[in-house]
Amino acid sequence: MKSVVRGLLLLAVVAFGTATFAQECNVIYVTPNGASSGTTGTKANPASFLHALSIANSSNSKIYMAAGTYVVSNEITMPSNITIEGGFDANWDKSNGAATTIFRDNTNPIASPSRLIGVNCVNASNFRMQDLTVRVANAVGDGTSTYGVYLSGCSNYQMVRCRVIAGNGGNGNNGAPGTNGMNGTNGADGEVGDEDGPCCRAGGAGGSGSFPGSNAGGAGGDGGERGTYI
């Protein structure tokens, strides 16, 4: 009888120990000021967000993020088969008042075309984002676009109670100069000119009819009208 009781007690201890270990092993705990190296990711020693992404795998497939703002300077690449869940308070309990925000600043935009992306999900599958706010800063520089979450070629994913806020895009690039306009048509011919000019066709005035020391003579007659040019 004693051996049976001991066996049951041992089984209970092993079962309890296995459950506790599995919880810590399957979940990576994250805080805004978490560690980025060493043995980390537990409740007692949470990891940083970027470090958690680097160690996540099929055995550690859940990332639990405590409330707070996580500032990143490059886009987050979403892995397949991973759950990222926020909204945990200081005791790692879910709370409606515990907002978890991933904030992408405006540095290091992706080129060709220029863009800022918060979470980049390309050809990923079987992932889940839950209780997160993804916010992207306003773009700096002409022609830069912003994406809160970019999805392309993904399958079997879930986004649950997530808030996505993309910042303002940059101004458009200056347009190229326009082509030169066509030449105008030739001007019309001017009016025919007056070859004689507008004056002086009358004859000259007659000469004076007197001079000092003599009797006054008669005035000379007016000259004839000058000829017209043909």
C-alpha atoms as a PDB file:
ATOM      1  CA  MET A   1       0.000   0.000   0.000  1.00  0.00           C
ATOM      2  CA  LYS A   2       2.824   2.360   0.863  1.00  0.00           C
ATOM      3  CA  SER A   3       4.524   1.738  -2.475  1.00  0.00           C
ATOM      4  CA  VAL A   4       1.307   2.564  -4.335  1.00  0.00           C
ATOM      5  CA  VAL A   5       0.934   5.861  -2.440  1.00  0.00           C
ATOM      6  CA  ARG A   6       4.559   6.729  -3.132  1.00  0.00           C
ATOM      7  CA  GLY A   7       4.027   5.990  -6.837  1.00  0.00           C
ATOM      8  CA  LEU A   8       1.008   8.270  -6.985  1.00  0.00           C
ATOM      9  CA  LEU A   9       2.833  11.073  -5.204  1.00  0.00           C
ATOM     10  CA  LEU A  10       5.828  10.727  -7.528  1.00  0.00           C
ATOM     11  CA  LEU A  11       3.539  10.779 -10.580  1.00  0.00           C
ATOM     12  CA  ALA A  12       1.829  13.940  -9.306  1.00  0.00           C
ATOM     13  CA  VAL A  13       5.161  15.689  -8.735  1.00  0.00           C
ATOM     14  CA  VAL A  14       6.468  14.726 -12.188  1.00  0.00           C
ATOM     15  CA  ALA A  15       3.243  15.860 -13.879  1.00  0.00           C
ATOM     16  CA  PHE A  16       3.278  19.196 -12.053  1.00  0.00           C
ATOM     17  CA  GLY A  17       6.947  19.766 -12.826  1.00  0.00           C
ATOM     18  CA  THR A  18       6.492  18.949 -16.499  1.00  0.00           C
ATOM     19  CA  ALA A  19       3.562  21.388 -16.870  1.00  0.00           C
ATOM     20  CA  THR A  20       5.507  24.230 -15.276  1.00  0.00           C
ATOM     21  CA  PHE A  21       8.548  23.593 -17.453  1.00  0.00           C
ATOM     22  CA  ALA A  22       6.463  23.424 -20.636  1.00  0.00           C
ATOM     23  CA  GLN A  23       4.874  26.794 -19.896  1.00  0.00           C
ATOM     24  CA  GLU A  24       8.251  28.505 -19.549  1.00  0.00           C
ATOM     25  CA  CYS A  25       9.704  26.645 -22.515  1.00  0.00           C
ATOM     26  CA  ASN A  26       6.855  27.290 -24.954  1.00  0.00           C
ATOM     27  CA  VAL A  27       6.505  31.005 -24.112  1.00  0.00           C
ATOM     28  CA  ILE A  28       9.121  33.731 -24.396  1.00  0.00           C
ATOM     29  CA  TYR A  29       8.300  36.605 -22.047  1.00  0.00           C
ATOM     30  CA  VAL A  30       9.212  40.089 -23.234  1.00  0.00           C
ATOM     31  CA  THR A  31       9.392  43.559 -21.686  1.00  0.00           C
ATOM     32  CA  PRO A  32      10.485  46.923 -23.149  1.00  0.00           C
ATOM     33  CA  ASN A  33      13.723  46.775 -21.140  1.00  0.00           C
ATOM     34  CA  GLY A  34      14.282  43.031 -21.393  1.00  0.00           C
ATOM     35  CA  ALA A  35      17.662  41.318 -21.792  1.00  0.00           C
ATOM     36  CA  SER A  36      19.151  40.791 -25.231  1.00  0.00           C
ATOM     37  CA  SER A  37      21.577  37.968 -24.433  1.00  0.00           C
ATOM     38  CA  GLY A  38      22.151  35.054 -22.113  1.00  0.00           C
ATOM     39  CA  THR A  39      19.516  32.858 -20.523  1.00  0.00           C
ATOM     40  CA  THR A  40      16.435  35.002 -20.846  1.00  0.00           C
ATOM     41  CA  GLY A  41      12.793  34.966 -21.856  1.00  0.00           C
ATOM     42  CA  THR A  42      11.349  33.759 -18.567  1.00  0.00           C
ATOM     43  CA  LYS A  43       8.949  35.647 -16.298  1.00  0.00           C
ATOM     44  CA  ALA A  44      11.797  36.304 -13.891  1.00  0.00           C
ATOM     45  CA  ASN A  45      14.210  37.414 -16.629  1.00  0.00           C
ATOM     46  CA  PRO A  46      12.247  38.640 -19.666  1.00  0.00           C
ATOM     47  CA  ALA A  47      13.853  39.151 -23.050  1.00  0.00           C
ATOM     48  CA  SER A  48      13.906  42.180 -25.307  1.00  0.00           C
ATOM     49  CA  PHE A  49      11.505  42.037 -28.242  1.00  0.00           C
ATOM     50  CA  LEU A  50      14.176  41.721 -30.932  1.00  0.00           C
ATOM     51  CA  HIS A  51      16.012  39.033 -28.951  1.00  0.00           C
ATOM     52  CA  ALA A  52      12.772  37.110 -28.531  1.00  0.00           C
ATOM     53  CA  LEU A  53      12.240  37.125 -32.286  1.00  0.00           C
ATOM     54  CA  SER A  54      15.754  35.780 -32.820  1.00  0.00           C
ATOM     55  CA  ILE A  55      15.258  32.789 -30.477  1.00  0.00           C
ATOM     56  CA  ALA A  56      11.646  31.967 -31.341  1.00  0.00           C
ATOM     57  CA  ASN A  57      11.150  28.534 -32.933  1.00  0.00           C
ATOM     58  CA  SER A  58       8.699  25.654 -33.009  1.00  0.00           C
ATOM     59  CA  SER A  59       9.509  24.854 -29.369  1.00  0.00           C
ATOM     60  CA  ASN A  60       9.331  28.489 -28.247  1.00  0.00           C
ATOM     61  CA  SER A  61       6.509  29.602 -30.509  1.00  0.00           C
ATOM     62  CA  LYS A  62       4.708  32.145 -28.313  1.00  0.00           C
ATOM     63  CA  ILE A  63       5.995  35.633 -27.530  1.00  0.00           C
ATOM     64  CA  TYR A  64       4.127  37.321 -24.677  1.00  0.00           C
ATOM     65  CA  MET A  65       4.740  41.070 -24.574  1.00  0.00           C
ATOM     66  CA  ALA A  66       4.207  43.120 -21.443  1.00  0.00           C
ATOM     67  CA  ALA A  67       2.495  46.498 -21.674  1.00  0.00           C
ATOM     68  CA  GLY A  68       4.637  49.375 -22.895  1.00  0.00           C
ATOM     69  CA  THR A  69       6.142  50.837 -26.061  1.00  0.00           C
ATOM     70  CA  TYR A  70       8.734  48.917 -28.042  1.00  0.00           C
ATOM     71  CA  VAL A  71      10.682  51.246 -30.353  1.00  0.00           C
ATOM     72  CA  VAL A  72      12.259  49.634 -33.421  1.00  0.00           C
ATOM     73  CA  SER A  73      14.368  51.238 -36.144  1.00  0.00           C
ATOM     74  CA  ASN A  74      13.841  48.557 -38.784  1.00  0.00           C
ATOM     75  CA  GLU A  75      10.814  46.635 -39.933  1.00  0.00           C
ATOM     76  CA  ILE A  76       9.847  43.540 -37.933  1.00  0.00           C
ATOM     77  CA  THR A  77       9.870  40.421 -40.112  1.00  0.00           C
ATOM     78  CA  MET A  78       7.064  38.093 -39.069  1.00  0.00           C
ATOM     79  CA  PRO A  79       8.177  34.443 -38.838  1.00  0.00           C
ATOM     80  CA  SER A  80       5.897  31.533 -39.692  1.00  0.00           C
ATOM     81  CA  ASN A  81       4.315  29.407 -36.941  1.00  0.00           C
ATOM     82  CA  ILE A  82       4.726  32.129 -34.296  1.00  0.00           C
ATOM     83  CA  THR A  83       2.253  33.927 -32.028  1.00  0.00           C
ATOM     84  CA  ILE A  84       3.003  37.464 -30.838  1.00  0.00           C
ATOM     85  CA  GLU A  85       0.577  38.539 -28.144  1.00  0.00           C
ATOM     86  CA  GLY A  86       0.490  41.724 -26.079  1.00  0.00           C
ATOM     87  CA  GLY A  87      -1.659  43.146 -23.303  1.00  0.00           C
ATOM     88  CA  PHE A  88       0.039  41.603 -20.264  1.00  0.00           C
ATOM     89  CA  ASP A  89       0.407  43.519 -17.019  1.00  0.00           C
ATOM     90  CA  ALA A  90       3.325  43.367 -14.582  1.00  0.00           C
ATOM     91  CA  ASN A  91       2.036  40.053 -13.162  1.00  0.00           C
ATOM     92  CA  TRP A  92       1.698  38.567 -16.670  1.00  0.00           C
ATOM     93  CA  ASP A  93      -2.062  38.644 -16.481  1.00  0.00           C
ATOM     94  CA  LYS A  94      -4.122  39.877 -19.425  1.00  0.00           C
ATOM     95  CA  SER A  95      -5.560  43.355 -18.903  1.00  0.00           C
ATOM     96  CA  ASN A  96      -7.692  45.638 -21.064  1.00  0.00           C
ATOM     97  CA  GLY A  97      -5.774  48.581 -19.625  1.00  0.00           C
ATOM     98  CA  ALA A  98      -2.357  47.206 -20.605  1.00  0.00           C
ATOM     99  CA  ALA A  99      -1.549  48.488 -24.103  1.00  0.00           C
ATOM    100  CA  THR A 100       1.378  46.991 -25.968  1.00  0.00           C
ATOM    101  CA  THR A 101       2.696  49.198 -28.794  1.00  0.00           C
ATOM    102  CA  ILE A 102       5.312  48.410 -31.430  1.00  0.00           C
ATOM    103  CA  PHE A 103       6.546  51.802 -32.669  1.00  0.00           C
ATOM    104  CA  ARG A 104       8.568  51.974 -35.888  1.00  0.00           C
ATOM    105  CA  ASP A 105      10.594  55.188 -36.067  1.00  0.00           C
ATOM    106  CA  ASN A 106      11.414  56.987 -39.332  1.00  0.00           C
ATOM    107  CA  THR A 107      15.031  55.872 -39.693  1.00  0.00           C
ATOM    108  CA  ASN A 108      16.369  53.288 -42.163  1.00  0.00           C
ATOM    109  CA  PRO A 109      13.602  53.286 -44.771  1.00  0.00           C
ATOM    110  CA  ILE A 110      13.645  50.449 -47.289  1.00  0.00           C
ATOM    111  CA  ALA A 111      14.787  51.622 -50.720  1.00  0.00           C
ATOM    112  CA  SER A 112      13.374  51.100 -54.232  1.00  0.00           C
ATOM    113  CA  PRO A 113      10.735  52.243 -53.564  1.00  0.00           C
ATOM    114  CA  SER A 114      11.369  54.211 -50.378  1.00  0.00           C
ATOM    115  CA  ARG A 115       9.065  52.995 -47.582  1.00  0.00           C
ATOM    116  CA  LEU A 116       8.708  52.523 -43.826  1.00  0.00           C
ATOM    117  CA  ILE A 117       7.134  49.247 -42.632  1.00  0.00           C
ATOM    118  CA  GLY A 118       6.140  48.357 -39.086  1.00  0.00           C
ATOM    119  CA  VAL A 119       5.600  44.589 -39.413  1.00  0.00           C
ATOM    120  CA  ASN A 120       6.617  42.933 -42.680  1.00  0.00           C
ATOM    121  CA  CYS A 121       4.696  39.720 -43.418  1.00  0.00           C
ATOM    122  CA  VAL A 122       5.869  38.156 -46.690  1.00  0.00           C
ATOM    123  CA  ASN A 123       5.242  34.490 -47.578  1.00  0.00           C
ATOM    124  CA  ALA A 124       4.627  33.665 -43.917  1.00  0.00           C
ATOM    125  CA  SER A 125       2.015  31.190 -42.709  1.00  0.00           C
ATOM    126  CA  ASN A 126       0.304  30.025 -39.532  1.00  0.00           C
ATOM    127  CA  PHE A 127       1.130  33.132 -37.499  1.00  0.00           C
ATOM    128  CA  ARG A 128      -0.983  35.162 -35.091  1.00  0.00           C
ATOM    129  CA  MET A 129      -0.825  38.746 -33.858  1.00  0.00           C
ATOM    130  CA  GLN A 130      -3.069  39.590 -30.916  1.00  0.00           C
ATOM    131  CA  ASP A 131      -3.757  42.586 -28.662  1.00  0.00           C
ATOM    132  CA  LEU A 132      -1.111  44.795 -30.251  1.00  0.00           C
ATOM    133  CA  THR A 133      -0.871  48.358 -31.513  1.00  0.00           C
ATOM    134  CA  VAL A 134       1.468  48.817 -34.468  1.00  0.00           C
ATOM    135  CA  ARG A 135       2.325  52.456 -35.082  1.00  0.00           C
ATOM    136  CA  VAL A 136       4.640  53.890 -37.755  1.00  0.00           C
ATOM    137  CA  ALA A 137       6.178  57.378 -37.599  1.00  0.00           C
ATOM    138  CA  ASN A 138       5.605  60.018 -40.259  1.00  0.00           C
ATOM    139  CA  ALA A 139       7.954  59.593 -43.201  1.00  0.00           C
ATOM    140  CA  VAL A 140      10.825  62.006 -43.791  1.00  0.00           C
ATOM    141  CA  GLY A 141      11.908  62.677 -47.365  1.00  0.00           C
ATOM    142  CA  ASP A 142      10.090  62.938 -50.659  1.00  0.00           C
ATOM    143  CA  GLY A 143       8.455  59.860 -52.120  1.00  0.00           C
ATOM    144  CA  THR A 144       8.515  57.713 -48.926  1.00  0.00           C
ATOM    145  CA  SER A 145       5.419  55.615 -48.142  1.00  0.00           C
ATOM    146  CA  THR A 146       4.398  54.111 -44.784  1.00  0.00           C
ATOM    147  CA  TYR A 147       2.868  50.714 -43.961  1.00  0.00           C
ATOM    148  CA  GLY A 148       1.697  49.626 -40.519  1.00  0.00           C
ATOM    149  CA  VAL A 149       1.524  45.951 -41.483  1.00  0.00           C
ATOM    150  CA  TYR A 150       2.544  44.796 -44.963  1.00  0.00           C
ATOM    151  CA  LEU A 151       1.070  41.451 -46.084  1.00  0.00           C
ATOM    152  CA  SER A 152       2.031  39.605 -49.260  1.00  0.00           C
ATOM    153  CA  GLY A 153       1.740  35.897 -50.087  1.00  0.00           C
ATOM    154  CA  CYS A 154       0.701  34.936 -46.518  1.00  0.00           C
ATOM    155  CA  SER A 155      -1.690  32.150 -45.481  1.00  0.00           C
ATOM    156  CA  ASN A 156      -3.449  30.798 -42.380  1.00  0.00           C
ATOM    157  CA  TYR A 157      -2.783  33.871 -40.280  1.00  0.00           C
ATOM    158  CA  GLN A 158      -4.831  35.687 -37.639  1.00  0.00           C
ATOM    159  CA  MET A 159      -4.815  39.302 -36.494  1.00  0.00           C
ATOM    160  CA  VAL A 160      -6.930  39.629 -33.366  1.00  0.00           C
ATOM    161  CA  ARG A 161      -7.769  42.918 -31.634  1.00  0.00           C
ATOM    162  CA  CYS A 162      -4.870  44.705 -33.307  1.00  0.00           C
ATOM    163  CA  ARG A 163      -4.723  48.422 -34.004  1.00  0.00           C
ATOM    164  CA  VAL A 164      -2.584  49.509 -36.947  1.00  0.00           C
ATOM    165  CA  ILE A 165      -1.658  53.189 -37.453  1.00  0.00           C
ATOM    166  CA  ALA A 166       0.525  54.167 -40.410  1.00  0.00           C
ATOM    167  CA  GLY A 167       2.199  57.589 -40.335  1.00  0.00           C
ATOM    168  CA  ASN A 168       1.963  60.254 -43.019  1.00  0.00           C
ATOM    169  CA  GLY A 169       3.794  59.524 -46.238  1.00  0.00           C
ATOM    170  CA  GLY A 170       6.388  61.934 -47.616  1.00  0.00           C
ATOM    171  CA  ASN A 171       5.694  64.515 -50.288  1.00  0.00           C
ATOM    172  CA  GLY A 172       5.673  63.337 -53.873  1.00  0.00           C
ATOM    173  CA  ASN A 173       8.840  63.720 -55.916  1.00  0.00           C
ATOM    174  CA  ASN A 174       9.138  66.720 -58.215  1.00  0.00           C
ATOM    175  CA  GLY A 175       7.772  66.111 -61.672  1.00  0.00           C
ATOM    176  CA  ALA A 176      10.044  66.006 -64.744  1.00  0.00           C
ATOM    177  CA  PRO A 177      10.267  69.176 -66.891  1.00  0.00           C
ATOM    178  CA  GLY A 178       7.687  69.385 -69.676  1.00  0.00           C
ATOM    179  CA  THR A 179       8.626  69.067 -73.368  1.00  0.00           C
ATOM    180  CA  ASN A 180       9.314  72.200 -75.425  1.00  0.00           C
ATOM    181  CA  GLY A 181       6.313  73.775 -77.097  1.00  0.00           C
ATOM    182  CA  MET A 182       5.875  73.792 -80.914  1.00  0.00           C
ATOM    183  CA  ASN A 183       7.041  76.809 -82.976  1.00  0.00           C
ATOM    184  CA  GLY A 184       4.376  79.394 -83.786  1.00  0.00           C
ATOM    185  CA  THR A 185       3.171  80.055 -87.363  1.00  0.00           C
ATOM    186  CA  ASN A 186       4.687  82.860 -89.447  1.00  0.00           C
ATOM    187  CA  GLY A 187       3.284  86.341 -88.918  1.00  0.00           C
ATOM    188  CA  ALA A 188       0.957  87.915 -91.591  1.00  0.00           C
ATOM    189  CA  ASP A 189       2.350  90.426 -94.163  1.00  0.00           C
ATOM    190  CA  GLY A 190       2.328  94.051 -93.028  1.00  0.00           C
ATOM    191  CA  GLU A 191       0.280  96.755 -94.853  1.00  0.00           C
ATOM    192  CA  VAL A 192       1.716  98.497 -97.961  1.00  0.00           C
ATOM    193  CA  GLY A 193       3.795 101.530 -96.944  1.00  0.00           C
ATOM    194  CA  ASP A 194       3.220 105.133 -98.257  1.00  0.00           C
ATOM    195  CA  GLU A 195       6.367 105.668-100.327  1.00  0.00           C
ATOM    196  CA  ASP A 196       5.903 109.428-100.545  1.00  0.00           C
ATOM    197  CA  GLY A 197       5.561 109.802 -96.822  1.00  0.00           C
ATOM    198  CA  PRO A 198       2.799 111.773 -95.120  1.00  0.00           C
ATOM    199  CA  CYS A 199       4.029 115.343 -95.804  1.00  0.00           C
ATOM    200  CA  CYS A 200       5.493 117.912 -98.077  1.00  0.00           C
ATOM    201  CA  ARG A 201       3.725 117.306-101.382  1.00  0.00           C
ATOM    202  CA  ALA A 202       2.661 121.036-101.725  1.00  0.00           C
ATOM    203  CA  GLY A 203       4.950 123.441-103.624  1.00  0.00           C
ATOM    204  CA  GLY A 204       7.367 125.700-101.760  1.00  0.00           C
ATOM    205  CA  ALA A 205       6.268 129.133-100.535  1.00  0.00           C
ATOM    206  CA  GLY A 206       6.975 132.184-102.744  1.00  0.00           C
ATOM    207  CA  GLY A 207       9.991 134.396-102.012  1.00  0.00           C
ATOM    208  CA  SER A 208       9.815 137.690-100.157  1.00  0.00           C
ATOM    209  CA  GLY A 209       8.761 140.654-102.369  1.00  0.00           C
ATOM    210  CA  SER A 210      10.952 143.338-100.834  1.00  0.00           C
ATOM    211  CA  PHE A 211      14.467 144.024 -99.746  1.00  0.00           C
ATOM    212  CA  PRO A 212      16.084 147.010 -97.938  1.00  0.00           C
ATOM    213  CA  GLY A 213      16.556 150.220 -99.866  1.00  0.00           C
ATOM    214  CA  SER A 214      14.092 149.493-102.679  1.00  0.00           C
ATOM    215  CA  ASN A 215      10.468 149.855-103.378  1.00  0.00           C
ATOM    216  CA  ALA A 216       8.466 146.883-102.301  1.00  0.00           C
ATOM    217  CA  GLY A 217       8.051 144.454-105.153  1.00  0.00           C
ATOM    218  CA  GLY A 218       5.346 141.861-105.485  1.00  0.00           C
ATOM    219  CA  ALA A 219       5.723 138.477-103.739  1.00  0.00           C
ATOM    220  CA  GLY A 220       6.907 135.553-105.831  1.00  0.00           C
ATOM    221  CA  GLY A 221       4.363 132.877-106.725  1.00  0.00           C
ATOM    222  CA  ASP A 222       4.233 129.507-104.914  1.00  0.00           C
ATOM    223  CA  GLY A 223       6.253 126.701-106.437  1.00  0.00           C
ATOM    224  CA  GLY A 224       4.474 123.874-108.198  1.00  0.00           C
ATOM    225  CA  GLU A 225       3.537 120.572-106.435  1.00  0.00           C
ATOM    226  CA  ARG A 226       6.368 118.110-106.498  1.00  0.00           C
ATOM    227  CA  GLY A 227       6.022 115.062-108.581  1.00  0.00           C
ATOM    228  CA  THR A 228       4.748 111.726-107.241  1.00  0.00           C
ATOM    229  CA  TYR A 229       7.046 108.647-107.256  1.00  0.00           C
ATOM    230  CA  ILE A 230       5.770 105.815-109.432  1.00  0.00           C
END
